[in-house]
């Protein structure tokens, strides 16, 4: 599925993602500043999160409470090696059955399960975003 969207379209995009995905582990693959965290915020909002949602760049993981239980939001941009993900218990989060949103998944490829949804986001020349969901 490929979608082109603006900030105003985010609520419907988030709804489509939630209703279309076949699993709860989502990888957000995009360059810096393209809107990974912004999209995750909207998805969390649609899942009933009332918490303030922010990028866990320094904490590595944020936990939010949703209508469907906990949501784990990872940002692996700053990790130096895969050992850091092991030390925070990443595998336990992934095995929890909860929603797991991962920014910069390329840093931990060897730890990812097979059943994931990858969301690739690119900026288009007209200021919109192009989302490809695999």
N, C-alpha and C. Protein backbone atom coordinates (compact mmCIF):
# COMPACT_ATOMS: atom_id res chain seq x y z
N UNK A 1 0.85 -1.17 0.00
CA UNK A 1 0.00 0.00 0.00
C UNK A 1 0.90 1.24 0.00
N UNK A 2 0.61 2.16 -0.88
CA UNK A 2 1.33 3.43 -0.95
C UNK A 2 0.32 4.57 -0.83
N UNK A 3 0.63 5.53 0.04
CA UNK A 3 -0.25 6.67 0.28
C UNK A 3 0.55 7.95 0.25
N UNK A 4 -0.03 8.99 -0.30
CA UNK A 4 0.57 10.32 -0.26
C UNK A 4 -0.28 11.16 0.68
N UNK A 5 0.36 11.92 1.58
CA UNK A 5 -0.42 12.65 2.58
C UNK A 5 0.25 13.93 3.02
N UNK A 6 -0.57 14.78 3.67
CA UNK A 6 -0.11 16.01 4.31
C UNK A 6 -0.40 15.87 5.81
N UNK A 7 0.02 16.85 6.58
CA UNK A 7 -0.28 16.83 8.02
C UNK A 7 -1.77 16.74 8.29
N UNK A 8 -2.57 17.40 7.48
CA UNK A 8 -4.02 17.38 7.65
C UNK A 8 -4.60 15.99 7.43
N UNK A 9 -3.92 15.16 6.65
CA UNK A 9 -4.40 13.82 6.35
C UNK A 9 -4.01 12.78 7.41
N UNK A 10 -3.17 13.17 8.37
CA UNK A 10 -2.64 12.19 9.32
C UNK A 10 -3.71 11.37 10.05
N UNK A 11 -4.82 11.95 10.51
CA UNK A 11 -5.81 11.11 11.19
C UNK A 11 -6.31 9.94 10.32
N UNK A 12 -6.61 10.20 9.06
CA UNK A 12 -7.09 9.12 8.21
C UNK A 12 -5.97 8.15 7.85
N UNK A 13 -4.75 8.64 7.71
CA UNK A 13 -3.60 7.77 7.43
C UNK A 13 -3.37 6.82 8.60
N UNK A 14 -3.40 7.35 9.81
CA UNK A 14 -3.22 6.52 11.01
C UNK A 14 -4.30 5.44 11.09
N UNK A 15 -5.53 5.82 10.81
CA UNK A 15 -6.64 4.86 10.83
C UNK A 15 -6.41 3.75 9.80
N UNK A 16 -5.97 4.12 8.61
CA UNK A 16 -5.70 3.12 7.57
C UNK A 16 -4.58 2.17 7.98
N UNK A 17 -3.55 2.70 8.60
CA UNK A 17 -2.43 1.87 9.04
C UNK A 17 -2.91 0.86 10.08
N UNK A 18 -3.64 1.34 11.07
CA UNK A 18 -4.11 0.46 12.15
C UNK A 18 -5.03 -0.62 11.59
N UNK A 19 -5.92 -0.26 10.70
CA UNK A 19 -6.88 -1.24 10.18
C UNK A 19 -6.26 -2.19 9.16
N UNK A 20 -5.14 -1.83 8.57
CA UNK A 20 -4.53 -2.64 7.52
C UNK A 20 -3.43 -3.57 8.02
N UNK A 21 -2.71 -3.15 9.06
CA UNK A 21 -1.56 -3.96 9.50
C UNK A 21 -2.01 -5.32 10.01
N UNK A 22 -1.16 -6.30 9.79
CA UNK A 22 -1.46 -7.66 10.23
C UNK A 22 -0.75 -8.02 11.53
N UNK A 23 0.10 -7.13 12.01
CA UNK A 23 0.80 -7.38 13.26
C UNK A 23 1.08 -6.08 13.98
N UNK A 24 1.53 -6.19 15.21
CA UNK A 24 1.68 -5.01 16.06
C UNK A 24 3.09 -4.45 16.13
N UNK A 25 4.02 -5.06 15.45
CA UNK A 25 5.40 -4.55 15.44
C UNK A 25 5.58 -3.77 14.15
N UNK A 26 5.85 -2.46 14.30
CA UNK A 26 5.95 -1.58 13.14
C UNK A 26 7.31 -0.89 13.11
N UNK A 27 7.95 -0.98 11.95
CA UNK A 27 9.24 -0.35 11.74
C UNK A 27 9.03 0.92 10.93
N UNK A 28 9.57 2.02 11.41
CA UNK A 28 9.44 3.31 10.74
C UNK A 28 10.78 3.66 10.11
N UNK A 29 10.84 3.54 8.79
CA UNK A 29 12.07 3.72 8.03
C UNK A 29 11.97 5.03 7.26
N UNK A 30 12.75 6.03 7.68
CA UNK A 30 12.72 7.34 7.03
C UNK A 30 13.94 8.13 7.44
N UNK A 31 14.27 9.11 6.65
CA UNK A 31 15.37 10.02 6.98
C UNK A 31 15.00 10.90 8.16
N UNK A 32 15.99 11.55 8.71
CA UNK A 32 15.79 12.50 9.81
C UNK A 32 14.85 13.62 9.37
N UNK A 33 13.86 13.91 10.20
CA UNK A 33 12.97 15.04 9.96
C UNK A 33 11.84 14.82 8.98
N UNK A 34 11.62 13.59 8.54
CA UNK A 34 10.57 13.32 7.56
C UNK A 34 9.21 13.09 8.22
N UNK A 35 9.18 12.77 9.50
CA UNK A 35 7.89 12.66 10.18
C UNK A 35 7.59 11.33 10.83
N UNK A 36 8.60 10.58 11.20
CA UNK A 36 8.37 9.30 11.87
C UNK A 36 7.61 9.49 13.18
N UNK A 37 8.13 10.34 14.05
CA UNK A 37 7.51 10.56 15.36
C UNK A 37 6.13 11.20 15.21
N UNK A 38 5.97 12.08 14.26
CA UNK A 38 4.66 12.71 14.03
C UNK A 38 3.63 11.66 13.66
N UNK A 39 3.98 10.73 12.81
CA UNK A 39 3.06 9.66 12.42
C UNK A 39 2.78 8.74 13.61
N UNK A 40 3.80 8.42 14.37
CA UNK A 40 3.62 7.56 15.55
C UNK A 40 2.67 8.24 16.55
N UNK A 41 2.82 9.54 16.74
CA UNK A 41 1.91 10.28 17.64
C UNK A 41 0.47 10.11 17.21
N UNK A 42 0.22 10.22 15.92
CA UNK A 42 -1.15 10.11 15.42
C UNK A 42 -1.68 8.68 15.57
N UNK A 43 -0.85 7.70 15.31
CA UNK A 43 -1.27 6.31 15.49
C UNK A 43 -1.61 6.06 16.96
N UNK A 44 -0.76 6.53 17.85
CA UNK A 44 -1.00 6.37 19.29
C UNK A 44 -2.31 7.04 19.70
N UNK A 45 -2.55 8.21 19.18
CA UNK A 45 -3.79 8.93 19.47
C UNK A 45 -5.00 8.09 19.08
N UNK A 46 -4.94 7.45 17.92
CA UNK A 46 -6.04 6.60 17.45
C UNK A 46 -6.17 5.32 18.27
N UNK A 47 -5.12 4.93 18.94
CA UNK A 47 -5.18 3.76 19.81
C UNK A 47 -5.59 4.12 21.24
N UNK A 48 -5.90 5.40 21.46
CA UNK A 48 -6.42 5.83 22.75
C UNK A 48 -5.40 6.32 23.74
N UNK A 49 -4.18 6.60 23.31
CA UNK A 49 -3.15 7.09 24.23
C UNK A 49 -3.49 8.52 24.65
N UNK A 50 -3.47 8.75 25.96
CA UNK A 50 -3.72 10.08 26.52
C UNK A 50 -2.42 10.76 26.94
N UNK A 51 -1.34 9.99 27.03
CA UNK A 51 -0.03 10.50 27.47
C UNK A 51 0.54 11.48 26.45
N UNK A 52 1.52 12.26 26.89
CA UNK A 52 2.29 13.09 25.97
C UNK A 52 3.23 12.15 25.22
N UNK A 53 3.21 12.22 23.91
CA UNK A 53 4.02 11.33 23.08
C UNK A 53 5.19 12.12 22.53
N UNK A 54 6.40 11.59 22.78
CA UNK A 54 7.60 12.27 22.29
C UNK A 54 8.61 11.22 21.83
N UNK A 55 9.57 11.67 21.09
CA UNK A 55 10.60 10.76 20.60
C UNK A 55 11.49 10.31 21.76
N UNK A 56 11.70 9.01 21.88
CA UNK A 56 12.58 8.50 22.94
C UNK A 56 14.05 8.48 22.54
N UNK A 57 14.50 9.51 21.87
CA UNK A 57 15.86 9.56 21.34
C UNK A 57 16.92 9.29 22.40
N UNK A 58 16.76 9.86 23.58
CA UNK A 58 17.78 9.67 24.62
C UNK A 58 17.44 8.53 25.57
N UNK A 59 16.16 8.28 25.78
CA UNK A 59 15.75 7.20 26.68
C UNK A 59 15.74 5.85 25.98
N UNK A 60 15.75 5.82 24.66
CA UNK A 60 15.65 4.65 23.79
C UNK A 60 14.23 4.09 23.69
N UNK A 61 13.47 4.10 24.80
CA UNK A 61 12.11 3.57 24.75
C UNK A 61 11.18 4.41 25.63
N UNK A 62 10.01 4.70 25.10
CA UNK A 62 8.93 5.32 25.88
C UNK A 62 7.79 4.32 25.92
N UNK A 63 7.08 4.30 27.04
CA UNK A 63 5.92 3.44 27.17
C UNK A 63 4.68 4.32 27.34
N UNK A 64 3.65 4.00 26.56
CA UNK A 64 2.38 4.72 26.64
C UNK A 64 1.28 3.71 26.94
N UNK A 65 0.25 4.16 27.61
CA UNK A 65 -0.90 3.29 27.89
C UNK A 65 -1.99 3.60 26.88
N UNK A 66 -2.50 2.54 26.24
CA UNK A 66 -3.56 2.70 25.23
C UNK A 66 -4.80 1.91 25.66
N UNK A 67 -5.84 1.99 24.85
CA UNK A 67 -7.04 1.19 25.11
C UNK A 67 -6.77 -0.30 24.99
N UNK A 68 -5.68 -0.64 24.32
CA UNK A 68 -5.31 -2.03 24.04
C UNK A 68 -4.09 -2.47 24.86
N UNK A 69 -3.77 -1.77 25.93
CA UNK A 69 -2.60 -2.10 26.74
C UNK A 69 -1.43 -1.21 26.41
N UNK A 70 -0.24 -1.60 26.85
CA UNK A 70 0.94 -0.75 26.64
C UNK A 70 1.37 -0.68 25.17
N UNK A 71 1.96 0.46 24.84
CA UNK A 71 2.61 0.66 23.53
C UNK A 71 4.06 1.00 23.84
N UNK A 72 4.98 0.37 23.13
CA UNK A 72 6.41 0.64 23.32
C UNK A 72 6.94 1.34 22.07
N UNK A 73 7.54 2.49 22.28
CA UNK A 73 8.04 3.34 21.19
C UNK A 73 9.56 3.45 21.35
N UNK A 74 10.28 2.87 20.40
CA UNK A 74 11.74 2.87 20.42
C UNK A 74 12.31 3.84 19.41
N UNK A 75 13.45 4.42 19.75
CA UNK A 75 14.23 5.23 18.82
C UNK A 75 15.68 4.81 18.98
N UNK A 76 16.19 4.09 17.99
CA UNK A 76 17.56 3.56 18.08
C UNK A 76 18.59 4.42 17.35
N UNK A 77 18.26 5.65 17.06
CA UNK A 77 19.18 6.52 16.34
C UNK A 77 20.54 6.64 17.04
N UNK A 78 20.54 6.76 18.33
CA UNK A 78 21.78 7.05 19.07
C UNK A 78 22.51 5.82 19.61
N UNK A 79 22.01 4.61 19.40
CA UNK A 79 22.73 3.47 19.96
C UNK A 79 24.04 3.25 19.20
N UNK A 80 25.02 2.82 19.94
CA UNK A 80 26.34 2.60 19.35
C UNK A 80 26.47 1.19 18.77
N UNK A 81 25.82 0.22 19.44
CA UNK A 81 25.86 -1.15 18.95
C UNK A 81 24.63 -1.91 19.44
N UNK A 82 24.43 -3.08 18.90
CA UNK A 82 23.24 -3.87 19.18
C UNK A 82 23.16 -4.31 20.66
N UNK A 83 24.31 -4.33 21.33
CA UNK A 83 24.34 -4.70 22.75
C UNK A 83 23.47 -3.78 23.60
N UNK A 84 23.39 -2.51 23.23
CA UNK A 84 22.55 -1.57 23.98
C UNK A 84 21.09 -2.00 23.94
N UNK A 85 20.64 -2.51 22.81
CA UNK A 85 19.25 -3.00 22.71
C UNK A 85 19.06 -4.24 23.57
N UNK A 86 20.05 -5.12 23.61
CA UNK A 86 19.99 -6.29 24.50
C UNK A 86 19.86 -5.86 25.95
N UNK A 87 20.65 -4.86 26.34
CA UNK A 87 20.68 -4.42 27.74
C UNK A 87 19.37 -3.83 28.23
N UNK A 88 18.58 -3.25 27.34
CA UNK A 88 17.30 -2.70 27.79
C UNK A 88 16.17 -3.74 27.68
N UNK A 89 16.51 -4.96 27.29
CA UNK A 89 15.51 -6.02 27.21
C UNK A 89 14.61 -5.93 25.99
N UNK A 90 15.15 -5.48 24.88
CA UNK A 90 14.37 -5.28 23.66
C UNK A 90 13.56 -6.52 23.27
N UNK A 91 14.15 -7.69 23.37
CA UNK A 91 13.46 -8.91 22.94
C UNK A 91 12.20 -9.16 23.77
N UNK A 92 12.22 -8.80 25.04
CA UNK A 92 11.03 -8.97 25.88
C UNK A 92 9.90 -8.05 25.43
N UNK A 93 10.23 -6.84 25.05
CA UNK A 93 9.21 -5.92 24.53
C UNK A 93 8.57 -6.48 23.26
N UNK A 94 9.39 -6.98 22.36
CA UNK A 94 8.91 -7.51 21.09
C UNK A 94 8.04 -8.75 21.30
N UNK A 95 8.38 -9.54 22.29
CA UNK A 95 7.62 -10.77 22.58
C UNK A 95 6.38 -10.53 23.43
N UNK A 96 6.12 -9.29 23.82
CA UNK A 96 5.03 -8.98 24.77
C UNK A 96 3.63 -9.06 24.16
N UNK A 97 3.52 -9.02 22.85
CA UNK A 97 2.21 -8.99 22.21
C UNK A 97 1.61 -7.59 22.15
N UNK A 98 2.34 -6.61 22.65
CA UNK A 98 1.89 -5.21 22.64
C UNK A 98 2.28 -4.55 21.32
N UNK A 99 1.72 -3.36 21.09
CA UNK A 99 2.16 -2.55 19.96
C UNK A 99 3.60 -2.12 20.22
N UNK A 100 4.45 -2.25 19.20
CA UNK A 100 5.85 -1.85 19.28
C UNK A 100 6.16 -1.02 18.04
N UNK A 101 6.54 0.23 18.25
CA UNK A 101 6.89 1.14 17.16
C UNK A 101 8.39 1.42 17.24
N UNK A 102 9.10 1.21 16.14
CA UNK A 102 10.56 1.29 16.15
C UNK A 102 11.05 2.28 15.09
N UNK A 103 11.70 3.35 15.57
CA UNK A 103 12.37 4.29 14.68
C UNK A 103 13.83 3.84 14.55
N UNK A 104 14.40 3.99 13.38
CA UNK A 104 15.78 3.59 13.06
C UNK A 104 15.98 2.08 13.27
N UNK A 105 15.11 1.25 12.68
CA UNK A 105 15.22 -0.20 12.86
C UNK A 105 16.47 -0.81 12.24
N UNK A 106 17.09 -0.10 11.28
CA UNK A 106 18.29 -0.64 10.64
C UNK A 106 19.43 -0.85 11.62
N UNK A 107 19.36 -0.20 12.79
CA UNK A 107 20.41 -0.34 13.80
C UNK A 107 20.32 -1.67 14.55
N UNK A 108 19.16 -2.36 14.46
CA UNK A 108 18.96 -3.59 15.25
C UNK A 108 18.37 -4.71 14.39
N UNK A 109 18.68 -4.73 13.13
CA UNK A 109 18.08 -5.69 12.20
C UNK A 109 18.16 -7.14 12.69
N UNK A 110 19.25 -7.52 13.30
CA UNK A 110 19.43 -8.90 13.74
C UNK A 110 18.50 -9.29 14.90
N UNK A 111 17.89 -8.32 15.55
CA UNK A 111 17.00 -8.60 16.68
C UNK A 111 15.53 -8.62 16.28
N UNK A 112 15.22 -8.25 15.07
CA UNK A 112 13.83 -8.11 14.66
C UNK A 112 13.22 -9.46 14.29
N UNK A 113 11.97 -9.68 14.71
CA UNK A 113 11.28 -10.90 14.29
C UNK A 113 10.89 -10.81 12.82
N UNK A 114 10.42 -11.90 12.26
CA UNK A 114 10.05 -11.92 10.84
C UNK A 114 8.75 -11.18 10.58
N UNK A 115 7.80 -11.28 11.47
CA UNK A 115 6.47 -10.71 11.26
C UNK A 115 6.42 -9.27 11.74
N UNK A 116 6.78 -8.36 10.85
CA UNK A 116 6.74 -6.93 11.16
C UNK A 116 6.09 -6.20 9.99
N UNK A 117 5.63 -5.01 10.25
CA UNK A 117 5.14 -4.12 9.20
C UNK A 117 6.15 -3.00 9.06
N UNK A 118 6.62 -2.79 7.86
CA UNK A 118 7.57 -1.71 7.60
C UNK A 118 6.85 -0.55 6.94
N UNK A 119 7.04 0.63 7.53
CA UNK A 119 6.47 1.85 6.99
C UNK A 119 7.63 2.73 6.52
N UNK A 120 7.74 2.88 5.22
CA UNK A 120 8.79 3.73 4.65
C UNK A 120 8.16 5.08 4.33
N UNK A 121 8.79 6.14 4.79
CA UNK A 121 8.26 7.49 4.57
C UNK A 121 9.32 8.30 3.83
N UNK A 122 8.88 8.96 2.78
CA UNK A 122 9.77 9.84 2.02
C UNK A 122 9.08 11.17 1.80
N UNK A 123 9.87 12.23 1.74
CA UNK A 123 9.34 13.55 1.43
C UNK A 123 9.27 13.70 -0.08
N UNK A 124 8.15 14.23 -0.57
CA UNK A 124 8.04 14.49 -2.00
C UNK A 124 8.37 15.96 -2.26
N UNK A 125 8.57 16.31 -3.49
CA UNK A 125 8.95 17.67 -3.86
C UNK A 125 7.84 18.68 -3.60
N UNK A 126 6.59 18.21 -3.51
CA UNK A 126 5.47 19.12 -3.29
C UNK A 126 5.16 19.33 -1.80
N UNK A 127 6.04 18.83 -0.92
CA UNK A 127 5.87 19.01 0.52
C UNK A 127 5.06 17.92 1.18
N UNK A 128 4.49 17.02 0.40
CA UNK A 128 3.73 15.92 0.97
C UNK A 128 4.68 14.79 1.36
N UNK A 129 4.14 13.80 2.04
CA UNK A 129 4.90 12.60 2.40
C UNK A 129 4.34 11.44 1.61
N UNK A 130 5.22 10.52 1.26
CA UNK A 130 4.82 9.29 0.57
C UNK A 130 5.11 8.14 1.52
N UNK A 131 4.07 7.41 1.87
CA UNK A 131 4.18 6.29 2.81
C UNK A 131 4.00 4.99 2.03
N UNK A 132 4.93 4.09 2.20
CA UNK A 132 4.80 2.74 1.64
C UNK A 132 4.76 1.77 2.80
N UNK A 133 3.70 0.99 2.86
CA UNK A 133 3.52 0.04 3.95
C UNK A 133 3.70 -1.37 3.41
N UNK A 134 4.65 -2.10 4.01
CA UNK A 134 4.95 -3.47 3.57
C UNK A 134 4.79 -4.43 4.73
